[in-house]
Amino acid sequence: MKTVKVFVDTSADMPMDMAQKYNIDIINFLCTFGETSYTAGEELSNDEFYKMLEETDEIPKTSQTPPAVMYDKLLDAARNNDTVVYFTISSKASGQYNNAVMNAELIKEELPNADVRIIDTLTFSAYISETAFKFCELIESGVGVDEALEESKKVLSYYETYLFVDSLKYLQKGGRITKTAAIVGELLDIKPVLGIRNGLIEPLDKLRGKKKVIKKLIDLIEEDQTFDADNKEFIIVDSNEEFAKEAEELLKERFGIEKLVRNYKFGPIVGTHTGANTLAILFKRK
C-alpha cells in the first residue's frame, strides 16, 4: 500500500488530537511581538498568544515558515513516503503557498521521483482542517490520491462563514478598514461581520450593540439565502470560550440539532488580524 503524508500549517487551527488521529503534521508560522519571534504552536500556544495580545498595545506580526525549515520537513516526508500533500493557507493572504511550491520544485531536483502536491485552499482555519480530514479518510478507505484530492476539495465550498469581531482595532491596524471607520465604529458600538471572499477575509455586514450580538449573528445565518435549512451543520471557531458556549446553545435551541460538527480555536494567524473575543460560525450551504 502506498504511503501518503499530509501537512497543514498554523492557519488551519487544527486541534492536536485530530492531527494525531489522522497523522497530520503542522508546518508552523512565526509570530513576532516587538523584536522577539516565536514559532507558533511550539514556542507560543494559543493561550500564550492571546495573553500577550492583551498585555501589549503593539499589534503582533505573523510571517511565513522559514524556507529552510519547510524544505527540511517536506524533503524528509518525500524521502519516506510515496506522496506528500500540503494544504496551505490562502495564497491571497500569505506567501506560504509560493514558498511551498518553490520548495517542492527544489525537492524534485534532489529527488526526481518525489510526488509533492501543494494545494492552495484559498481559505483559512477550519476549512483547511476539514479538507485535510476528508482527504485522509478517503486515502484510508483506499481511494487514490488524485480522486481523494478532487473529492476533498469540495469541502472548501461546503460551508459559508460569518465571523464576528469584538474590536475594530486589529482590522484597522491590518488595513482592512480605515482609522476613521474604526473610530466611528467604536463610538457607535458597531461589530463587523466578516466572511471569506476571493481568498481573503472581508467585511460582509455589521451588527450594533453589545446585547444579544450572537443571537443577531445567528439571525443573519438563518436569513442567508445559501443556508441549507434541510441539512443543518455547524462548526464554531472562537477565541472566547463563553462566546462559543453561548453560540452552541443558541444553535441547538434554534435549529434542533444535538451537536456541532466540530469546535476550533482561532490561533495567531487569524487572531493577529481580528484580536481576541472573536467568533466564527460555519454553516452548510445549499
C-alpha atoms as a PDB file:
ATOM      1  CA  MET A   1       0.000   0.000   0.000  1.00  0.00           C
ATOM      2  CA  LYS A   2       1.337   3.417  -0.949  1.00  0.00           C
ATOM      3  CA  THR A   3       2.009   5.846   1.874  1.00  0.00           C
ATOM      4  CA  VAL A   4       0.760   9.434   1.881  1.00  0.00           C
ATOM      5  CA  LYS A   5       1.951  12.147   4.277  1.00  0.00           C
ATOM      6  CA  VAL A   6      -0.328  15.133   4.887  1.00  0.00           C
ATOM      7  CA  PHE A   7       0.652  18.600   6.083  1.00  0.00           C
ATOM      8  CA  VAL A   8      -1.277  21.732   7.011  1.00  0.00           C
ATOM      9  CA  ASP A   9       0.083  24.932   8.508  1.00  0.00           C
ATOM     10  CA  THR A  10      -0.650  27.037  11.581  1.00  0.00           C
ATOM     11  CA  SER A  11      -3.514  28.799   9.798  1.00  0.00           C
ATOM     12  CA  ALA A  12      -5.570  25.568   9.869  1.00  0.00           C
ATOM     13  CA  ASP A  13      -6.120  25.930  13.650  1.00  0.00           C
ATOM     14  CA  MET A  14      -6.072  22.141  13.758  1.00  0.00           C
ATOM     15  CA  PRO A  15      -6.760  20.586  17.186  1.00  0.00           C
ATOM     16  CA  MET A  16      -3.805  18.443  18.225  1.00  0.00           C
ATOM     17  CA  ASP A  17      -5.944  15.406  18.990  1.00  0.00           C
ATOM     18  CA  MET A  18      -7.276  15.470  15.421  1.00  0.00           C
ATOM     19  CA  ALA A  19      -3.788  15.973  13.975  1.00  0.00           C
ATOM     20  CA  GLN A  20      -2.657  12.892  15.907  1.00  0.00           C
ATOM     21  CA  LYS A  21      -5.722  10.887  14.889  1.00  0.00           C
ATOM     22  CA  TYR A  22      -5.031  11.441  11.181  1.00  0.00           C
ATOM     23  CA  ASN A  23      -1.217  11.602  11.494  1.00  0.00           C
ATOM     24  CA  ILE A  24      -1.164  15.125  10.037  1.00  0.00           C
ATOM     25  CA  ASP A  25       1.934  17.264  10.569  1.00  0.00           C
ATOM     26  CA  ILE A  26       1.778  21.032  11.028  1.00  0.00           C
ATOM     27  CA  ILE A  27       4.167  23.480   9.375  1.00  0.00           C
ATOM     28  CA  ASN A  28       4.376  26.398  11.762  1.00  0.00           C
ATOM     29  CA  PHE A  29       4.349  30.103  11.020  1.00  0.00           C
ATOM     30  CA  LEU A  30       6.302  32.630  13.061  1.00  0.00           C
ATOM     31  CA  CYS A  31       4.613  35.173  15.327  1.00  0.00           C
ATOM     32  CA  THR A  32       6.521  38.307  16.326  1.00  0.00           C
ATOM     33  CA  PHE A  33       5.887  40.575  19.283  1.00  0.00           C
ATOM     34  CA  GLY A  34       8.233  43.550  19.175  1.00  0.00           C
ATOM     35  CA  GLU A  35      11.709  42.225  18.468  1.00  0.00           C
ATOM     36  CA  THR A  36      11.007  38.642  19.534  1.00  0.00           C
ATOM     37  CA  SER A  37       9.803  35.943  17.154  1.00  0.00           C
ATOM     38  CA  TYR A  38       8.151  32.718  18.292  1.00  0.00           C
ATOM     39  CA  THR A  39       7.335  29.535  16.425  1.00  0.00           C
ATOM     40  CA  ALA A  40       3.551  29.368  16.651  1.00  0.00           C
ATOM     41  CA  GLY A  41       2.341  26.114  18.134  1.00  0.00           C
ATOM     42  CA  GLU A  42       5.769  25.219  19.504  1.00  0.00           C
ATOM     43  CA  GLU A  43       7.188  28.221  21.369  1.00  0.00           C
ATOM     44  CA  LEU A  44       3.843  30.026  21.573  1.00  0.00           C
ATOM     45  CA  SER A  45       0.498  28.405  22.373  1.00  0.00           C
ATOM     46  CA  ASN A  46      -2.862  29.960  21.550  1.00  0.00           C
ATOM     47  CA  ASP A  47      -3.435  30.866  25.198  1.00  0.00           C
ATOM     48  CA  GLU A  48       0.000  32.468  25.450  1.00  0.00           C
ATOM     49  CA  PHE A  49      -0.612  34.400  22.235  1.00  0.00           C
ATOM     50  CA  TYR A  50      -3.879  35.959  23.464  1.00  0.00           C
ATOM     51  CA  LYS A  51      -2.391  36.684  26.876  1.00  0.00           C
ATOM     52  CA  MET A  52       0.461  38.594  25.222  1.00  0.00           C
ATOM     53  CA  LEU A  53      -2.032  40.307  22.922  1.00  0.00           C
ATOM     54  CA  GLU A  54      -3.941  41.628  25.944  1.00  0.00           C
ATOM     55  CA  GLU A  55      -0.806  42.777  27.724  1.00  0.00           C
ATOM     56  CA  THR A  56       0.625  44.911  24.917  1.00  0.00           C
ATOM     57  CA  ASP A  57      -0.675  47.740  22.763  1.00  0.00           C
ATOM     58  CA  GLU A  58       1.586  46.637  19.930  1.00  0.00           C
ATOM     59  CA  ILE A  59      -0.016  44.623  17.159  1.00  0.00           C
ATOM     60  CA  PRO A  60       1.956  41.401  16.577  1.00  0.00           C
ATOM     61  CA  LYS A  61       3.041  40.236  13.150  1.00  0.00           C
ATOM     62  CA  THR A  62       2.955  36.811  11.589  1.00  0.00           C
ATOM     63  CA  SER A  63       5.377  35.598   8.953  1.00  0.00           C
ATOM     64  CA  GLN A  64       5.878  32.568   6.765  1.00  0.00           C
ATOM     65  CA  THR A  65       7.711  29.458   7.812  1.00  0.00           C
ATOM     66  CA  PRO A  66      11.449  29.942   7.151  1.00  0.00           C
ATOM     67  CA  PRO A  67      12.057  28.303   3.736  1.00  0.00           C
ATOM     68  CA  ALA A  68      14.837  26.058   5.055  1.00  0.00           C
ATOM     69  CA  VAL A  69      12.605  24.750   7.852  1.00  0.00           C
ATOM     70  CA  MET A  70       9.792  23.963   5.419  1.00  0.00           C
ATOM     71  CA  TYR A  71      12.226  22.374   2.958  1.00  0.00           C
ATOM     72  CA  ASP A  72      13.611  20.006   5.577  1.00  0.00           C
ATOM     73  CA  LYS A  73      10.115  18.909   6.665  1.00  0.00           C
ATOM     74  CA  LEU A  74       8.866  18.288   3.129  1.00  0.00           C
ATOM     75  CA  LEU A  75      12.103  16.646   1.982  1.00  0.00           C
ATOM     76  CA  ASP A  76      12.090  14.208   4.896  1.00  0.00           C
ATOM     77  CA  ALA A  77       8.451  13.360   4.179  1.00  0.00           C
ATOM     78  CA  ALA A  78       9.173  12.887   0.450  1.00  0.00           C
ATOM     79  CA  ARG A  79      12.026  10.508   1.246  1.00  0.00           C
ATOM     80  CA  ASN A  80       9.836   8.361   3.483  1.00  0.00           C
ATOM     81  CA  ASN A  81       6.503   8.406   1.625  1.00  0.00           C
ATOM     82  CA  ASP A  82       5.190   7.841  -1.871  1.00  0.00           C
ATOM     83  CA  THR A  83       3.207  11.117  -1.871  1.00  0.00           C
ATOM     84  CA  VAL A  84       3.279  14.301   0.191  1.00  0.00           C
ATOM     85  CA  VAL A  85       0.245  16.617   0.266  1.00  0.00           C
ATOM     86  CA  TYR A  86       0.345  20.054   1.865  1.00  0.00           C
ATOM     87  CA  PHE A  87      -2.904  22.041   2.222  1.00  0.00           C
ATOM     88  CA  THR A  88      -1.810  25.682   2.597  1.00  0.00           C
ATOM     89  CA  ILE A  89      -3.348  28.934   3.759  1.00  0.00           C
ATOM     90  CA  SER A  90      -4.855  31.109   1.016  1.00  0.00           C
ATOM     91  CA  SER A  91      -2.201  32.406  -1.387  1.00  0.00           C
ATOM     92  CA  LYS A  92      -4.113  35.715  -1.462  1.00  0.00           C
ATOM     93  CA  ALA A  93      -3.312  36.281   2.208  1.00  0.00           C
ATOM     94  CA  SER A  94       0.182  34.832   2.558  1.00  0.00           C
ATOM     95  CA  GLY A  95       3.282  33.913   0.599  1.00  0.00           C
ATOM     96  CA  GLN A  96       3.300  30.484   2.279  1.00  0.00           C
ATOM     97  CA  TYR A  97       1.856  28.762  -0.804  1.00  0.00           C
ATOM     98  CA  ASN A  98       4.529  30.197  -3.100  1.00  0.00           C
ATOM     99  CA  ASN A  99       7.167  29.261  -0.540  1.00  0.00           C
ATOM    100  CA  ALA A 100       5.860  25.686  -0.566  1.00  0.00           C
ATOM    101  CA  VAL A 101       5.755  25.492  -4.380  1.00  0.00           C
ATOM    102  CA  MET A 102       9.377  26.678  -4.547  1.00  0.00           C
ATOM    103  CA  ASN A 103      10.409  24.045  -2.017  1.00  0.00           C
ATOM    104  CA  ALA A 104       8.545  21.324  -3.896  1.00  0.00           C
ATOM    105  CA  GLU A 105      10.478  22.229  -7.039  1.00  0.00           C
ATOM    106  CA  LEU A 106      13.780  22.084  -5.147  1.00  0.00           C
ATOM    107  CA  ILE A 107      12.871  18.697  -3.723  1.00  0.00           C
ATOM    108  CA  LYS A 108      12.096  17.454  -7.232  1.00  0.00           C
ATOM    109  CA  GLU A 109      15.616  18.403  -8.268  1.00  0.00           C
ATOM    110  CA  GLU A 110      17.067  16.316  -5.450  1.00  0.00           C
ATOM    111  CA  LEU A 111      14.523  13.500  -5.660  1.00  0.00           C
ATOM    112  CA  PRO A 112      13.281  13.272  -9.280  1.00  0.00           C
ATOM    113  CA  ASN A 113      10.627  10.683  -8.387  1.00  0.00           C
ATOM    114  CA  ALA A 114       9.216  12.683  -5.454  1.00  0.00           C
ATOM    115  CA  ASP A 115       5.475  13.351  -5.555  1.00  0.00           C
ATOM    116  CA  VAL A 116       4.863  16.542  -3.567  1.00  0.00           C
ATOM    117  CA  ARG A 117       1.437  18.177  -4.004  1.00  0.00           C
ATOM    118  CA  ILE A 118       0.957  21.765  -2.803  1.00  0.00           C
ATOM    119  CA  ILE A 119      -2.753  22.668  -2.543  1.00  0.00           C
ATOM    120  CA  ASP A 120      -3.794  26.326  -2.297  1.00  0.00           C
ATOM    121  CA  THR A 121      -7.023  26.174  -0.288  1.00  0.00           C
ATOM    122  CA  LEU A 122      -7.778  29.904  -0.744  1.00  0.00           C
ATOM    123  CA  THR A 123      -9.245  29.698   2.760  1.00  0.00           C
ATOM    124  CA  PHE A 124      -8.356  29.664   6.455  1.00  0.00           C
ATOM    125  CA  SER A 125      -8.848  27.796   9.716  1.00  0.00           C
ATOM    126  CA  ALA A 126     -11.494  25.066   9.911  1.00  0.00           C
ATOM    127  CA  TYR A 127     -11.891  24.931   6.127  1.00  0.00           C
ATOM    128  CA  ILE A 128      -8.304  23.710   5.780  1.00  0.00           C
ATOM    129  CA  SER A 129      -8.556  21.201   8.609  1.00  0.00           C
ATOM    130  CA  GLU A 130     -11.870  19.756   7.459  1.00  0.00           C
ATOM    131  CA  THR A 131     -10.496  19.348   3.927  1.00  0.00           C
ATOM    132  CA  ALA A 132      -7.421  17.565   5.261  1.00  0.00           C
ATOM    133  CA  PHE A 133      -9.565  15.252   7.414  1.00  0.00           C
ATOM    134  CA  LYS A 134     -11.713  14.335   4.424  1.00  0.00           C
ATOM    135  CA  PHE A 135      -8.641  13.624   2.315  1.00  0.00           C
ATOM    136  CA  CYS A 136      -7.153  11.372   4.998  1.00  0.00           C
ATOM    137  CA  GLU A 137     -10.413   9.450   5.398  1.00  0.00           C
ATOM    138  CA  LEU A 138     -10.584   8.849   1.661  1.00  0.00           C
ATOM    139  CA  ILE A 139      -6.977   7.679   1.497  1.00  0.00           C
ATOM    140  CA  GLU A 140      -7.558   5.335   4.455  1.00  0.00           C
ATOM    141  CA  SER A 141     -10.575   3.874   2.642  1.00  0.00           C
ATOM    142  CA  GLY A 142      -8.384   3.000  -0.347  1.00  0.00           C
ATOM    143  CA  VAL A 143      -9.194   5.891  -2.681  1.00  0.00           C
ATOM    144  CA  GLY A 144      -6.310   7.033  -4.890  1.00  0.00           C
ATOM    145  CA  VAL A 145      -4.539  10.341  -4.294  1.00  0.00           C
ATOM    146  CA  ASP A 146      -5.933  12.122  -7.360  1.00  0.00           C
ATOM    147  CA  GLU A 147      -9.534  11.143  -6.646  1.00  0.00           C
ATOM    148  CA  ALA A 148      -9.152  11.854  -2.923  1.00  0.00           C
ATOM    149  CA  LEU A 149      -7.862  15.355  -3.663  1.00  0.00           C
ATOM    150  CA  GLU A 150     -10.696  16.057  -6.073  1.00  0.00           C
ATOM    151  CA  GLU A 151     -13.322  14.919  -3.576  1.00  0.00           C
ATOM    152  CA  SER A 152     -11.788  16.558  -0.517  1.00  0.00           C
ATOM    153  CA  LYS A 153     -11.526  19.951  -2.243  1.00  0.00           C
ATOM    154  CA  LYS A 154     -15.329  20.006  -2.370  1.00  0.00           C
ATOM    155  CA  VAL A 155     -15.243  20.662   1.387  1.00  0.00           C
ATOM    156  CA  LEU A 156     -13.782  24.116   0.635  1.00  0.00           C
ATOM    157  CA  SER A 157     -17.134  25.241  -0.787  1.00  0.00           C
ATOM    158  CA  TYR A 158     -19.298  23.129   1.532  1.00  0.00           C
ATOM    159  CA  TYR A 159     -19.635  25.796   4.231  1.00  0.00           C
ATOM    160  CA  GLU A 160     -20.336  29.523   4.395  1.00  0.00           C
ATOM    161  CA  THR A 161     -18.927  31.588   7.261  1.00  0.00           C
ATOM    162  CA  TYR A 162     -19.977  34.545   9.378  1.00  0.00           C
ATOM    163  CA  LEU A 163     -17.231  35.837  11.649  1.00  0.00           C
ATOM    164  CA  PHE A 164     -17.961  38.306  14.435  1.00  0.00           C
ATOM    165  CA  VAL A 165     -15.208  40.687  15.622  1.00  0.00           C
ATOM    166  CA  ASP A 166     -15.480  42.383  19.018  1.00  0.00           C
ATOM    167  CA  SER A 167     -12.893  45.126  18.416  1.00  0.00           C
ATOM    168  CA  LEU A 168     -12.147  47.173  15.309  1.00  0.00           C
ATOM    169  CA  LYS A 169      -8.588  47.995  16.382  1.00  0.00           C
ATOM    170  CA  TYR A 170      -6.964  44.996  14.753  1.00  0.00           C
ATOM    171  CA  LEU A 171      -8.860  45.312  11.475  1.00  0.00           C
ATOM    172  CA  GLN A 172      -7.792  48.952  11.275  1.00  0.00           C
ATOM    173  CA  LYS A 173      -4.149  48.154  12.055  1.00  0.00           C
ATOM    174  CA  GLY A 174      -4.180  45.434   9.435  1.00  0.00           C
ATOM    175  CA  GLY A 175      -5.575  47.774   6.794  1.00  0.00           C
ATOM    176  CA  ARG A 176      -8.967  46.052   6.493  1.00  0.00           C
ATOM    177  CA  ILE A 177     -10.799  49.250   7.488  1.00  0.00           C
ATOM    178  CA  THR A 178      -9.760  52.898   7.746  1.00  0.00           C
ATOM    179  CA  LYS A 179      -8.834  54.593  11.003  1.00  0.00           C
ATOM    180  CA  THR A 180     -11.880  56.864  10.653  1.00  0.00           C
ATOM    181  CA  ALA A 181     -14.187  53.879  10.186  1.00  0.00           C
ATOM    182  CA  ALA A 182     -12.672  52.238  13.259  1.00  0.00           C
ATOM    183  CA  ILE A 183     -13.200  55.326  15.433  1.00  0.00           C
ATOM    184  CA  VAL A 184     -16.774  55.843  14.231  1.00  0.00           C
ATOM    185  CA  GLY A 185     -17.491  52.133  14.633  1.00  0.00           C
ATOM    186  CA  GLU A 186     -16.263  52.101  18.221  1.00  0.00           C
ATOM    187  CA  LEU A 187     -18.333  55.199  19.057  1.00  0.00           C
ATOM    188  CA  LEU A 188     -21.475  53.659  17.593  1.00  0.00           C
ATOM    189  CA  ASP A 189     -20.656  50.235  19.046  1.00  0.00           C
ATOM    190  CA  ILE A 190     -20.647  48.585  15.627  1.00  0.00           C
ATOM    191  CA  LYS A 191     -19.440  44.997  15.404  1.00  0.00           C
ATOM    192  CA  PRO A 192     -18.333  43.955  11.919  1.00  0.00           C
ATOM    193  CA  VAL A 193     -19.320  40.609  10.452  1.00  0.00           C
ATOM    194  CA  LEU A 194     -16.680  39.108   8.173  1.00  0.00           C
ATOM    195  CA  GLY A 195     -16.566  36.277   5.676  1.00  0.00           C
ATOM    196  CA  ILE A 196     -14.156  34.686   3.218  1.00  0.00           C
ATOM    197  CA  ARG A 197     -14.306  36.197  -0.253  1.00  0.00           C
ATOM    198  CA  ASN A 198     -11.813  35.589  -3.067  1.00  0.00           C
ATOM    199  CA  GLY A 199      -9.260  34.109  -0.726  1.00  0.00           C
ATOM    200  CA  LEU A 200      -9.371  36.941   1.806  1.00  0.00           C
ATOM    201  CA  ILE A 201     -11.305  37.768   4.976  1.00  0.00           C
ATOM    202  CA  GLU A 202     -13.550  40.702   4.086  1.00  0.00           C
ATOM    203  CA  PRO A 203     -16.355  42.699   5.782  1.00  0.00           C
ATOM    204  CA  LEU A 204     -19.844  41.443   4.850  1.00  0.00           C
ATOM    205  CA  ASP A 205     -22.221  43.074   7.299  1.00  0.00           C
ATOM    206  CA  LYS A 206     -22.338  44.769  10.694  1.00  0.00           C
ATOM    207  CA  LEU A 207     -24.159  44.435  13.975  1.00  0.00           C
ATOM    208  CA  ARG A 208     -24.856  47.174  16.503  1.00  0.00           C
ATOM    209  CA  GLY A 209     -24.768  46.973  20.288  1.00  0.00           C
ATOM    210  CA  LYS A 210     -23.309  44.500  22.745  1.00  0.00           C
ATOM    211  CA  LYS A 211     -26.590  42.875  23.770  1.00  0.00           C
ATOM    212  CA  LYS A 212     -27.677  39.658  22.082  1.00  0.00           C
ATOM    213  CA  VAL A 213     -24.982  40.095  19.434  1.00  0.00           C
ATOM    214  CA  ILE A 214     -24.508  36.339  18.990  1.00  0.00           C
ATOM    215  CA  LYS A 215     -28.252  35.870  18.563  1.00  0.00           C
ATOM    216  CA  LYS A 216     -28.147  38.583  15.885  1.00  0.00           C
ATOM    217  CA  LEU A 217     -25.315  36.717  14.164  1.00  0.00           C
ATOM    218  CA  ILE A 218     -27.408  33.548  14.100  1.00  0.00           C
ATOM    219  CA  ASP A 219     -30.324  35.571  12.731  1.00  0.00           C
ATOM    220  CA  LEU A 220     -28.083  36.560   9.813  1.00  0.00           C
ATOM    221  CA  ILE A 221     -27.291  32.900   9.173  1.00  0.00           C
ATOM    222  CA  GLU A 222     -30.952  31.885   9.158  1.00  0.00           C
ATOM    223  CA  GLU A 223     -31.767  34.726   6.758  1.00  0.00           C
ATOM    224  CA  ASP A 224     -28.865  33.857   4.421  1.00  0.00           C
ATOM    225  CA  GLN A 225     -30.187  32.507   1.113  1.00  0.00           C
ATOM    226  CA  THR A 226     -27.346  29.975   0.933  1.00  0.00           C
ATOM    227  CA  PHE A 227     -28.187  28.430   4.321  1.00  0.00           C
ATOM    228  CA  ASP A 228     -29.240  24.782   3.966  1.00  0.00           C
ATOM    229  CA  ALA A 229     -32.150  24.626   6.415  1.00  0.00           C
ATOM    230  CA  ASP A 230     -32.807  20.988   5.485  1.00  0.00           C
ATOM    231  CA  ASN A 231     -29.286  19.823   6.379  1.00  0.00           C
ATOM    232  CA  LYS A 232     -28.184  21.824   9.388  1.00  0.00           C
ATOM    233  CA  GLU A 233     -24.479  21.506  10.064  1.00  0.00           C
ATOM    234  CA  PHE A 234     -22.421  23.986  12.079  1.00  0.00           C
ATOM    235  CA  ILE A 235     -18.798  24.448  13.056  1.00  0.00           C
ATOM    236  CA  ILE A 236     -17.725  27.032  15.632  1.00  0.00           C
ATOM    237  CA  VAL A 237     -14.301  28.668  15.671  1.00  0.00           C
ATOM    238  CA  ASP A 238     -13.590  31.013  18.561  1.00  0.00           C
ATOM    239  CA  SER A 239     -11.074  32.820  20.716  1.00  0.00           C
ATOM    240  CA  ASN A 240     -13.573  33.260  23.553  1.00  0.00           C
ATOM    241  CA  GLU A 241     -14.969  30.156  25.223  1.00  0.00           C
ATOM    242  CA  GLU A 242     -18.006  31.966  26.620  1.00  0.00           C
ATOM    243  CA  PHE A 243     -18.959  33.154  23.123  1.00  0.00           C
ATOM    244  CA  ALA A 244     -18.576  29.596  21.830  1.00  0.00           C
ATOM    245  CA  LYS A 245     -20.776  28.102  24.574  1.00  0.00           C
ATOM    246  CA  GLU A 246     -23.493  30.716  24.041  1.00  0.00           C
ATOM    247  CA  ALA A 247     -23.419  30.198  20.289  1.00  0.00           C
ATOM    248  CA  GLU A 248     -23.624  26.414  20.626  1.00  0.00           C
ATOM    249  CA  GLU A 249     -26.596  26.637  22.986  1.00  0.00           C
ATOM    250  CA  LEU A 250     -28.426  29.070  20.691  1.00  0.00           C
ATOM    251  CA  LEU A 251     -27.744  26.952  17.600  1.00  0.00           C
ATOM    252  CA  LYS A 252     -29.062  23.814  19.305  1.00  0.00           C
ATOM    253  CA  GLU A 253     -32.148  25.650  20.537  1.00  0.00           C
ATOM    254  CA  ARG A 254     -32.878  27.448  17.266  1.00  0.00           C
ATOM    255  CA  PHE A 255     -32.274  24.585  14.837  1.00  0.00           C
ATOM    256  CA  GLY A 256     -32.949  21.490  16.927  1.00  0.00           C
ATOM    257  CA  ILE A 257     -29.506  19.973  16.445  1.00  0.00           C
ATOM    258  CA  GLU A 258     -27.882  17.731  19.044  1.00  0.00           C
ATOM    259  CA  LYS A 259     -24.249  18.623  18.439  1.00  0.00           C
ATOM    260  CA  LEU A 260     -21.839  20.597  16.293  1.00  0.00           C
ATOM    261  CA  VAL A 261     -19.708  19.045  13.589  1.00  0.00           C
ATOM    262  CA  ARG A 262     -16.676  20.356  15.485  1.00  0.00           C
ATOM    263  CA  ASN A 263     -15.290  23.243  17.526  1.00  0.00           C
ATOM    264  CA  TYR A 264     -12.000  25.002  16.788  1.00  0.00           C
ATOM    265  CA  LYS A 265      -9.929  27.710  18.463  1.00  0.00           C
ATOM    266  CA  PHE A 266      -8.510  30.615  16.477  1.00  0.00           C
ATOM    267  CA  GLY A 267      -4.733  30.717  16.607  1.00  0.00           C
ATOM    268  CA  PRO A 268      -2.368  33.629  15.942  1.00  0.00           C
ATOM    269  CA  ILE A 269      -2.809  33.778  12.160  1.00  0.00           C
ATOM    270  CA  VAL A 270      -6.427  34.958  12.238  1.00  0.00           C
ATOM    271  CA  GLY A 271      -6.087  36.323  15.784  1.00  0.00           C
ATOM    272  CA  THR A 272      -3.443  38.845  14.744  1.00  0.00           C
ATOM    273  CA  HIS A 273      -5.957  40.460  12.399  1.00  0.00           C
ATOM    274  CA  THR A 274      -9.119  40.108  14.499  1.00  0.00           C
ATOM    275  CA  GLY A 275      -7.928  40.210  18.108  1.00  0.00           C
ATOM    276  CA  ALA A 276      -9.424  38.265  20.984  1.00  0.00           C
ATOM    277  CA  ASN A 277     -13.170  37.732  21.541  1.00  0.00           C
ATOM    278  CA  THR A 278     -13.762  36.548  18.005  1.00  0.00           C
ATOM    279  CA  LEU A 279     -16.419  34.057  16.971  1.00  0.00           C
ATOM    280  CA  ALA A 280     -16.995  32.374  13.612  1.00  0.00           C
ATOM    281  CA  ILE A 281     -19.882  30.103  12.705  1.00  0.00           C
ATOM    282  CA  LEU A 282     -19.582  27.919   9.633  1.00  0.00           C
ATOM    283  CA  PHE A 283     -22.868  26.620   8.259  1.00  0.00           C
ATOM    284  CA  LYS A 284     -23.671  24.190   5.471  1.00  0.00           C
ATOM    285  CA  ARG A 285     -24.539  25.745   2.124  1.00  0.00           C
ATOM    286  CA  LYS A 286     -27.337  24.569  -0.119  1.00  0.00           C
END
